[in-house]
């Protein structure tokens, strides 16, 4: 891991996204998303880009996409353009 980067714990990400720690773990287990870095002890660490991607998925899901579709949805595609 890059020492100059700000790394977030799963609790930090949950707090910032409105998701629960359990939801984040389930998404990772079931859908392979997000893919955080792992410390040698197995603890997850997330980057700002992970936080942005999770936020996009939450917004797309809230806009009507299924979770699976929101995860696969290209980040540069504006959802209102296709609905």
PDB file of N, CA and C in Angstrom:
ATOM      1  N   UNK A   1       0.833  -1.183   0.000  1.00  0.00           N
ATOM      2  CA  UNK A   1       0.000   0.000   0.000  1.00  0.00           C
ATOM      3  C   UNK A   1       0.869   1.234   0.000  1.00  0.00           C
ATOM      4  N   UNK A   2       0.395   2.252  -0.654  1.00  0.00           N
ATOM      5  CA  UNK A   2       1.106   3.517  -0.746  1.00  0.00           C
ATOM      6  C   UNK A   2       0.916   4.304   0.549  1.00  0.00           C
ATOM      7  N   UNK A   3       2.001   4.604   1.224  1.00  0.00           N
ATOM      8  CA  UNK A   3       1.934   5.300   2.504  1.00  0.00           C
ATOM      9  C   UNK A   3       1.410   6.720   2.354  1.00  0.00           C
ATOM     10  N   UNK A   4       1.490   7.303   1.149  1.00  0.00           N
ATOM     11  CA  UNK A   4       1.029   8.669   0.936  1.00  0.00           C
ATOM     12  C   UNK A   4      -0.478   8.749   0.690  1.00  0.00           C
ATOM     13  N   UNK A   5      -1.119   7.649   0.471  1.00  0.00           N
ATOM     14  CA  UNK A   5      -2.547   7.627   0.200  1.00  0.00           C
ATOM     15  C   UNK A   5      -3.327   7.574   1.508  1.00  0.00           C
ATOM     16  N   UNK A   6      -4.552   8.043   1.439  1.00  0.00           N
ATOM     17  CA  UNK A   6      -5.444   7.920   2.574  1.00  0.00           C
ATOM     18  C   UNK A   6      -6.240   6.639   2.388  1.00  0.00           C
ATOM     19  N   UNK A   7      -6.091   5.751   3.319  1.00  0.00           N
ATOM     20  CA  UNK A   7      -6.791   4.480   3.270  1.00  0.00           C
ATOM     21  C   UNK A   7      -7.923   4.502   4.275  1.00  0.00           C
ATOM     22  N   UNK A   8      -9.073   4.001   3.863  1.00  0.00           N
ATOM     23  CA  UNK A   8     -10.259   3.986   4.705  1.00  0.00           C
ATOM     24  C   UNK A   8     -10.565   2.572   5.159  1.00  0.00           C
ATOM     25  N   UNK A   9     -11.071   2.447   6.367  1.00  0.00           N
ATOM     26  CA  UNK A   9     -11.529   1.149   6.851  1.00  0.00           C
ATOM     27  C   UNK A   9     -12.933   0.891   6.325  1.00  0.00           C
ATOM     28  N   UNK A  10     -13.403  -0.314   6.489  1.00  0.00           N
ATOM     29  CA  UNK A  10     -14.755  -0.646   6.055  1.00  0.00           C
ATOM     30  C   UNK A  10     -15.782   0.159   6.846  1.00  0.00           C
ATOM     31  N   UNK A  11     -15.497   0.429   8.115  1.00  0.00           N
ATOM     32  CA  UNK A  11     -16.406   1.251   8.926  1.00  0.00           C
ATOM     33  C   UNK A  11     -16.458   2.684   8.401  1.00  0.00           C
ATOM     34  N   UNK A  12     -15.298   3.224   7.981  1.00  0.00           N
ATOM     35  CA  UNK A  12     -15.257   4.566   7.386  1.00  0.00           C
ATOM     36  C   UNK A  12     -16.113   4.622   6.129  1.00  0.00           C
ATOM     37  N   UNK A  13     -15.954   3.617   5.276  1.00  0.00           N
ATOM     38  CA  UNK A  13     -16.704   3.580   4.011  1.00  0.00           C
ATOM     39  C   UNK A  13     -18.196   3.439   4.290  1.00  0.00           C
ATOM     40  N   UNK A  14     -18.564   2.592   5.216  1.00  0.00           N
ATOM     41  CA  UNK A  14     -19.973   2.427   5.567  1.00  0.00           C
ATOM     42  C   UNK A  14     -20.561   3.758   6.036  1.00  0.00           C
ATOM     43  N   UNK A  15     -19.866   4.423   6.900  1.00  0.00           N
ATOM     44  CA  UNK A  15     -20.334   5.704   7.440  1.00  0.00           C
ATOM     45  C   UNK A  15     -20.497   6.740   6.326  1.00  0.00           C
ATOM     46  N   UNK A  16     -19.570   6.777   5.403  1.00  0.00           N
ATOM     47  CA  UNK A  16     -19.594   7.794   4.339  1.00  0.00           C
ATOM     48  C   UNK A  16     -20.606   7.498   3.235  1.00  0.00           C
ATOM     49  N   UNK A  17     -20.970   6.229   3.056  1.00  0.00           N
ATOM     50  CA  UNK A  17     -21.880   5.862   1.965  1.00  0.00           C
ATOM     51  C   UNK A  17     -23.309   5.598   2.425  1.00  0.00           C
ATOM     52  N   UNK A  18     -23.497   5.436   3.732  1.00  0.00           N
ATOM     53  CA  UNK A  18     -24.827   5.105   4.231  1.00  0.00           C
ATOM     54  C   UNK A  18     -25.130   3.622   4.172  1.00  0.00           C
ATOM     55  N   UNK A  19     -24.181   2.829   3.742  1.00  0.00           N
ATOM     56  CA  UNK A  19     -24.331   1.380   3.734  1.00  0.00           C
ATOM     57  C   UNK A  19     -23.893   0.833   5.088  1.00  0.00           C
ATOM     58  N   UNK A  20     -24.178  -0.422   5.321  1.00  0.00           N
ATOM     59  CA  UNK A  20     -23.678  -1.068   6.527  1.00  0.00           C
ATOM     60  C   UNK A  20     -22.411  -1.839   6.186  1.00  0.00           C
ATOM     61  N   UNK A  21     -21.642  -2.137   7.202  1.00  0.00           N
ATOM     62  CA  UNK A  21     -20.456  -2.974   7.030  1.00  0.00           C
ATOM     63  C   UNK A  21     -20.872  -4.312   6.439  1.00  0.00           C
ATOM     64  N   UNK A  22     -21.990  -4.841   6.908  1.00  0.00           N
ATOM     65  CA  UNK A  22     -22.478  -6.132   6.412  1.00  0.00           C
ATOM     66  C   UNK A  22     -22.826  -6.065   4.930  1.00  0.00           C
ATOM     67  N   UNK A  23     -23.434  -4.956   4.488  1.00  0.00           N
ATOM     68  CA  UNK A  23     -23.754  -4.809   3.058  1.00  0.00           C
ATOM     69  C   UNK A  23     -22.484  -4.794   2.223  1.00  0.00           C
ATOM     70  N   UNK A  24     -21.495  -4.043   2.658  1.00  0.00           N
ATOM     71  CA  UNK A  24     -20.239  -3.983   1.908  1.00  0.00           C
ATOM     72  C   UNK A  24     -19.590  -5.356   1.814  1.00  0.00           C
ATOM     73  N   UNK A  25     -19.590  -6.106   2.906  1.00  0.00           N
ATOM     74  CA  UNK A  25     -19.020  -7.457   2.880  1.00  0.00           C
ATOM     75  C   UNK A  25     -19.817  -8.374   1.961  1.00  0.00           C
ATOM     76  N   UNK A  26     -21.142  -8.247   1.987  1.00  0.00           N
ATOM     77  CA  UNK A  26     -21.985  -9.078   1.125  1.00  0.00           C
ATOM     78  C   UNK A  26     -21.760  -8.741  -0.344  1.00  0.00           C
ATOM     79  N   UNK A  27     -21.661  -7.466  -0.671  1.00  0.00           N
ATOM     80  CA  UNK A  27     -21.409  -7.070  -2.060  1.00  0.00           C
ATOM     81  C   UNK A  27     -20.093  -7.658  -2.535  1.00  0.00           C
ATOM     82  N   UNK A  28     -19.077  -7.579  -1.699  1.00  0.00           N
ATOM     83  CA  UNK A  28     -17.773  -8.120  -2.081  1.00  0.00           C
ATOM     84  C   UNK A  28     -17.840  -9.627  -2.268  1.00  0.00           C
ATOM     85  N   UNK A  29     -18.523 -10.302  -1.365  1.00  0.00           N
ATOM     86  CA  UNK A  29     -18.625 -11.760  -1.422  1.00  0.00           C
ATOM     87  C   UNK A  29     -19.461 -12.234  -2.609  1.00  0.00           C
ATOM     88  N   UNK A  30     -20.595 -11.598  -2.824  1.00  0.00           N
ATOM     89  CA  UNK A  30     -21.536 -12.043  -3.864  1.00  0.00           C
ATOM     90  C   UNK A  30     -21.221 -11.522  -5.255  1.00  0.00           C
ATOM     91  N   UNK A  31     -20.700 -10.296  -5.324  1.00  0.00           N
ATOM     92  CA  UNK A  31     -20.548  -9.638  -6.621  1.00  0.00           C
ATOM     93  C   UNK A  31     -19.109  -9.278  -6.970  1.00  0.00           C
ATOM     94  N   UNK A  32     -18.188  -9.525  -6.048  1.00  0.00           N
ATOM     95  CA  UNK A  32     -16.800  -9.167  -6.309  1.00  0.00           C
ATOM     96  C   UNK A  32     -16.573  -7.673  -6.356  1.00  0.00           C
ATOM     97  N   UNK A  33     -17.454  -6.928  -5.735  1.00  0.00           N
ATOM     98  CA  UNK A  33     -17.384  -5.467  -5.715  1.00  0.00           C
ATOM     99  C   UNK A  33     -17.719  -4.968  -4.332  1.00  0.00           C
ATOM    100  N   UNK A  34     -16.994  -4.028  -3.847  1.00  0.00           N
ATOM    101  CA  UNK A  34     -15.731  -3.511  -4.336  1.00  0.00           C
ATOM    102  C   UNK A  34     -14.597  -4.491  -4.043  1.00  0.00           C
ATOM    103  N   UNK A  35     -13.410  -4.145  -4.512  1.00  0.00           N
ATOM    104  CA  UNK A  35     -12.236  -4.994  -4.286  1.00  0.00           C
ATOM    105  C   UNK A  35     -11.196  -4.210  -3.484  1.00  0.00           C
ATOM    106  N   UNK A  36     -11.373  -4.174  -2.188  1.00  0.00           N
ATOM    107  CA  UNK A  36     -10.424  -3.411  -1.379  1.00  0.00           C
ATOM    108  C   UNK A  36      -9.077  -4.106  -1.274  1.00  0.00           C
ATOM    109  N   UNK A  37      -8.079  -3.334  -0.912  1.00  0.00           N
ATOM    110  CA  UNK A  37      -6.783  -3.910  -0.568  1.00  0.00           C
ATOM    111  C   UNK A  37      -6.955  -4.649   0.752  1.00  0.00           C
ATOM    112  N   UNK A  38      -6.083  -5.596   0.989  1.00  0.00           N
ATOM    113  CA  UNK A  38      -6.118  -6.329   2.263  1.00  0.00           C
ATOM    114  C   UNK A  38      -4.773  -6.187   2.963  1.00  0.00           C
ATOM    115  N   UNK A  39      -4.855  -5.912   4.251  1.00  0.00           N
ATOM    116  CA  UNK A  39      -3.656  -5.908   5.080  1.00  0.00           C
ATOM    117  C   UNK A  39      -3.246  -7.348   5.340  1.00  0.00           C
ATOM    118  N   UNK A  40      -2.032  -7.584   5.810  1.00  0.00           N
ATOM    119  CA  UNK A  40      -1.618  -8.959   6.119  1.00  0.00           C
ATOM    120  C   UNK A  40      -2.553  -9.668   7.117  1.00  0.00           C
ATOM    121  N   UNK A  41      -3.212  -8.896   7.979  1.00  0.00           N
ATOM    122  CA  UNK A  41      -4.138  -9.504   8.940  1.00  0.00           C
ATOM    123  C   UNK A  41      -5.541  -9.701   8.358  1.00  0.00           C
ATOM    124  N   UNK A  42      -5.727  -9.351   7.067  1.00  0.00           N
ATOM    125  CA  UNK A  42      -7.005  -9.567   6.396  1.00  0.00           C
ATOM    126  C   UNK A  42      -7.953  -8.382   6.421  1.00  0.00           C
ATOM    127  N   UNK A  43      -7.619  -7.341   7.168  1.00  0.00           N
ATOM    128  CA  UNK A  43      -8.492  -6.175   7.236  1.00  0.00           C
ATOM    129  C   UNK A  43      -8.530  -5.470   5.890  1.00  0.00           C
ATOM    130  N   UNK A  44      -9.716  -4.998   5.531  1.00  0.00           N
ATOM    131  CA  UNK A  44      -9.912  -4.306   4.267  1.00  0.00           C
ATOM    132  C   UNK A  44      -9.468  -2.850   4.387  1.00  0.00           C
ATOM    133  N   UNK A  45      -8.920  -2.316   3.300  1.00  0.00           N
ATOM    134  CA  UNK A  45      -8.586  -0.897   3.203  1.00  0.00           C
ATOM    135  C   UNK A  45      -9.029  -0.411   1.832  1.00  0.00           C
ATOM    136  N   UNK A  46      -9.743   0.700   1.844  1.00  0.00           N
ATOM    137  CA  UNK A  46     -10.328   1.270   0.633  1.00  0.00           C
ATOM    138  C   UNK A  46      -9.656   2.580   0.278  1.00  0.00           C
ATOM    139  N   UNK A  47      -9.579   2.857  -1.026  1.00  0.00           N
ATOM    140  CA  UNK A  47      -9.040   4.107  -1.549  1.00  0.00           C
ATOM    141  C   UNK A  47     -10.199   5.052  -1.877  1.00  0.00           C
ATOM    142  N   UNK A  48      -9.871   6.297  -2.140  1.00  0.00           N
ATOM    143  CA  UNK A  48     -10.882   7.279  -2.526  1.00  0.00           C
ATOM    144  C   UNK A  48     -11.630   6.822  -3.782  1.00  0.00           C
ATOM    145  N   UNK A  49     -10.939   6.191  -4.711  1.00  0.00           N
ATOM    146  CA  UNK A  49     -11.588   5.704  -5.936  1.00  0.00           C
ATOM    147  C   UNK A  49     -12.627   4.632  -5.618  1.00  0.00           C
ATOM    148  N   UNK A  50     -12.354   3.793  -4.616  1.00  0.00           N
ATOM    149  CA  UNK A  50     -13.337   2.787  -4.194  1.00  0.00           C
ATOM    150  C   UNK A  50     -14.580   3.477  -3.646  1.00  0.00           C
ATOM    151  N   UNK A  51     -14.367   4.500  -2.840  1.00  0.00           N
ATOM    152  CA  UNK A  51     -15.472   5.247  -2.255  1.00  0.00           C
ATOM    153  C   UNK A  51     -16.330   5.879  -3.349  1.00  0.00           C
ATOM    154  N   UNK A  52     -15.689   6.448  -4.364  1.00  0.00           N
ATOM    155  CA  UNK A  52     -16.421   7.050  -5.481  1.00  0.00           C
ATOM    156  C   UNK A  52     -17.219   5.998  -6.248  1.00  0.00           C
ATOM    157  N   UNK A  53     -16.623   4.836  -6.491  1.00  0.00           N
ATOM    158  CA  UNK A  53     -17.319   3.771  -7.219  1.00  0.00           C
ATOM    159  C   UNK A  53     -18.510   3.254  -6.423  1.00  0.00           C
ATOM    160  N   UNK A  54     -18.343   3.097  -5.128  1.00  0.00           N
ATOM    161  CA  UNK A  54     -19.454   2.641  -4.283  1.00  0.00           C
ATOM    162  C   UNK A  54     -20.574   3.681  -4.306  1.00  0.00           C
ATOM    163  N   UNK A  55     -20.207   4.954  -4.216  1.00  0.00           N
ATOM    164  CA  UNK A  55     -21.214   6.014  -4.279  1.00  0.00           C
ATOM    165  C   UNK A  55     -21.987   5.995  -5.579  1.00  0.00           C
ATOM    166  N   UNK A  56     -21.284   5.755  -6.701  1.00  0.00           N
ATOM    167  CA  UNK A  56     -21.954   5.663  -8.007  1.00  0.00           C
ATOM    168  C   UNK A  56     -22.930   4.501  -8.036  1.00  0.00           C
ATOM    169  N   UNK A  57     -22.522   3.356  -7.503  1.00  0.00           N
ATOM    170  CA  UNK A  57     -23.396   2.177  -7.486  1.00  0.00           C
ATOM    171  C   UNK A  57     -24.632   2.448  -6.633  1.00  0.00           C
ATOM    172  N   UNK A  58     -24.447   3.069  -5.491  1.00  0.00           N
ATOM    173  CA  UNK A  58     -25.591   3.390  -4.627  1.00  0.00           C
ATOM    174  C   UNK A  58     -26.545   4.329  -5.350  1.00  0.00           C
ATOM    175  N   UNK A  59     -26.018   5.367  -6.010  1.00  0.00           N
ATOM    176  CA  UNK A  59     -26.878   6.302  -6.747  1.00  0.00           C
ATOM    177  C   UNK A  59     -27.628   5.600  -7.878  1.00  0.00           C
ATOM    178  N   UNK A  60     -26.926   4.755  -8.639  1.00  0.00           N
ATOM    179  CA  UNK A  60     -27.574   4.040  -9.743  1.00  0.00           C
ATOM    180  C   UNK A  60     -28.639   3.077  -9.235  1.00  0.00           C
ATOM    181  N   UNK A  61     -28.331   2.395  -8.145  1.00  0.00           N
ATOM    182  CA  UNK A  61     -29.313   1.485  -7.551  1.00  0.00           C
ATOM    183  C   UNK A  61     -30.532   2.268  -7.074  1.00  0.00           C
ATOM    184  N   UNK A  62     -30.304   3.400  -6.428  1.00  0.00           N
ATOM    185  CA  UNK A  62     -31.403   4.237  -5.949  1.00  0.00           C
ATOM    186  C   UNK A  62     -32.222   4.817  -7.096  1.00  0.00           C
ATOM    187  N   UNK A  63     -31.590   4.936  -8.276  1.00  0.00           N
ATOM    188  CA  UNK A  63     -32.284   5.460  -9.455  1.00  0.00           C
ATOM    189  C   UNK A  63     -33.078   4.379 -10.189  1.00  0.00           C
ATOM    190  N   UNK A  64     -32.980   3.135  -9.721  1.00  0.00           N
ATOM    191  CA  UNK A  64     -33.812   2.094 -10.307  1.00  0.00           C
ATOM    192  C   UNK A  64     -33.106   0.894 -10.884  1.00  0.00           C
ATOM    193  N   UNK A  65     -31.786   0.936 -11.002  1.00  0.00           N
ATOM    194  CA  UNK A  65     -31.073  -0.233 -11.505  1.00  0.00           C
ATOM    195  C   UNK A  65     -30.992  -1.301 -10.420  1.00  0.00           C
ATOM    196  N   UNK A  66     -30.941  -2.544 -10.848  1.00  0.00           N
ATOM    197  CA  UNK A  66     -30.663  -3.608  -9.889  1.00  0.00           C
ATOM    198  C   UNK A  66     -29.224  -3.437  -9.416  1.00  0.00           C
ATOM    199  N   UNK A  67     -28.898  -4.021  -8.296  1.00  0.00           N
ATOM    200  CA  UNK A  67     -27.533  -3.921  -7.789  1.00  0.00           C
ATOM    201  C   UNK A  67     -26.547  -4.468  -8.812  1.00  0.00           C
ATOM    202  N   UNK A  68     -26.870  -5.604  -9.411  1.00  0.00           N
ATOM    203  CA  UNK A  68     -25.976  -6.211 -10.389  1.00  0.00           C
ATOM    204  C   UNK A  68     -25.744  -5.273 -11.578  1.00  0.00           C
ATOM    205  N   UNK A  69     -26.814  -4.662 -12.063  1.00  0.00           N
ATOM    206  CA  UNK A  69     -26.691  -3.735 -13.195  1.00  0.00           C
ATOM    207  C   UNK A  69     -25.915  -2.488 -12.790  1.00  0.00           C
ATOM    208  N   UNK A  70     -26.144  -1.997 -11.591  1.00  0.00           N
ATOM    209  CA  UNK A  70     -25.435  -0.806 -11.117  1.00  0.00           C
ATOM    210  C   UNK A  70     -23.935  -1.074 -11.010  1.00  0.00           C
ATOM    211  N   UNK A  71     -23.565  -2.260 -10.586  1.00  0.00           N
ATOM    212  CA  UNK A  71     -22.151  -2.621 -10.475  1.00  0.00           C
ATOM    213  C   UNK A  71     -21.515  -2.694 -11.864  1.00  0.00           C
ATOM    214  N   UNK A  72     -22.242  -3.240 -12.836  1.00  0.00           N
ATOM    215  CA  UNK A  72     -21.712  -3.379 -14.194  1.00  0.00           C
ATOM    216  C   UNK A  72     -21.800  -2.091 -15.004  1.00  0.00           C
ATOM    217  N   UNK A  73     -22.616  -1.149 -14.560  1.00  0.00           N
ATOM    218  CA  UNK A  73     -22.894   0.091 -15.275  1.00  0.00           C
ATOM    219  C   UNK A  73     -21.614   0.897 -15.473  1.00  0.00           C
ATOM    220  N   UNK A  74     -21.294   1.286 -16.720  1.00  0.00           N
ATOM    221  CA  UNK A  74     -20.075   2.072 -16.945  1.00  0.00           C
ATOM    222  C   UNK A  74     -20.130   3.399 -16.185  1.00  0.00           C
ATOM    223  N   UNK A  75     -19.057   3.772 -15.501  1.00  0.00           N
ATOM    224  CA  UNK A  75     -19.085   4.978 -14.671  1.00  0.00           C
ATOM    225  C   UNK A  75     -19.263   6.272 -15.446  1.00  0.00           C
ATOM    226  N   UNK A  76     -18.922   6.300 -16.737  1.00  0.00           N
ATOM    227  CA  UNK A  76     -19.044   7.538 -17.499  1.00  0.00           C
ATOM    228  C   UNK A  76     -20.387   7.673 -18.207  1.00  0.00           C
ATOM    229  N   UNK A  77     -21.273   6.684 -18.063  1.00  0.00           N
ATOM    230  CA  UNK A  77     -22.587   6.732 -18.674  1.00  0.00           C
ATOM    231  C   UNK A  77     -23.561   7.377 -17.699  1.00  0.00           C
ATOM    232  N   UNK A  78     -24.250   8.423 -18.140  1.00  0.00           N
ATOM    233  CA  UNK A  78     -25.208   9.100 -17.284  1.00  0.00           C
ATOM    234  C   UNK A  78     -26.522   8.332 -17.348  1.00  0.00           C
ATOM    235  N   UNK A  79     -26.974   7.885 -16.188  1.00  0.00           N
ATOM    236  CA  UNK A  79     -28.142   7.019 -16.107  1.00  0.00           C
ATOM    237  C   UNK A  79     -29.375   7.666 -16.739  1.00  0.00           C
ATOM    238  N   UNK A  80     -29.587   8.943 -16.551  1.00  0.00           N
ATOM    239  CA  UNK A  80     -30.782   9.599 -17.106  1.00  0.00           C
ATOM    240  C   UNK A  80     -30.784   9.573 -18.635  1.00  0.00           C
ATOM    241  N   UNK A  81     -29.622   9.379 -19.258  1.00  0.00           N
ATOM    242  CA  UNK A  81     -29.535   9.308 -20.713  1.00  0.00           C
ATOM    243  C   UNK A  81     -30.076   7.993 -21.260  1.00  0.00           C
ATOM    244  N   UNK A  82     -30.170   6.969 -20.408  1.00  0.00           N
ATOM    245  CA  UNK A  82     -30.603   5.666 -20.891  1.00  0.00           C
ATOM    246  C   UNK A  82     -31.939   5.223 -20.327  1.00  0.00           C
ATOM    247  N   UNK A  83     -32.514   6.015 -19.451  1.00  0.00           N
ATOM    248  CA  UNK A  83     -33.796   5.632 -18.846  1.00  0.00           C
ATOM    249  C   UNK A  83     -34.912   6.479 -19.391  1.00  0.00           C
TER     250      UNK A  83
END
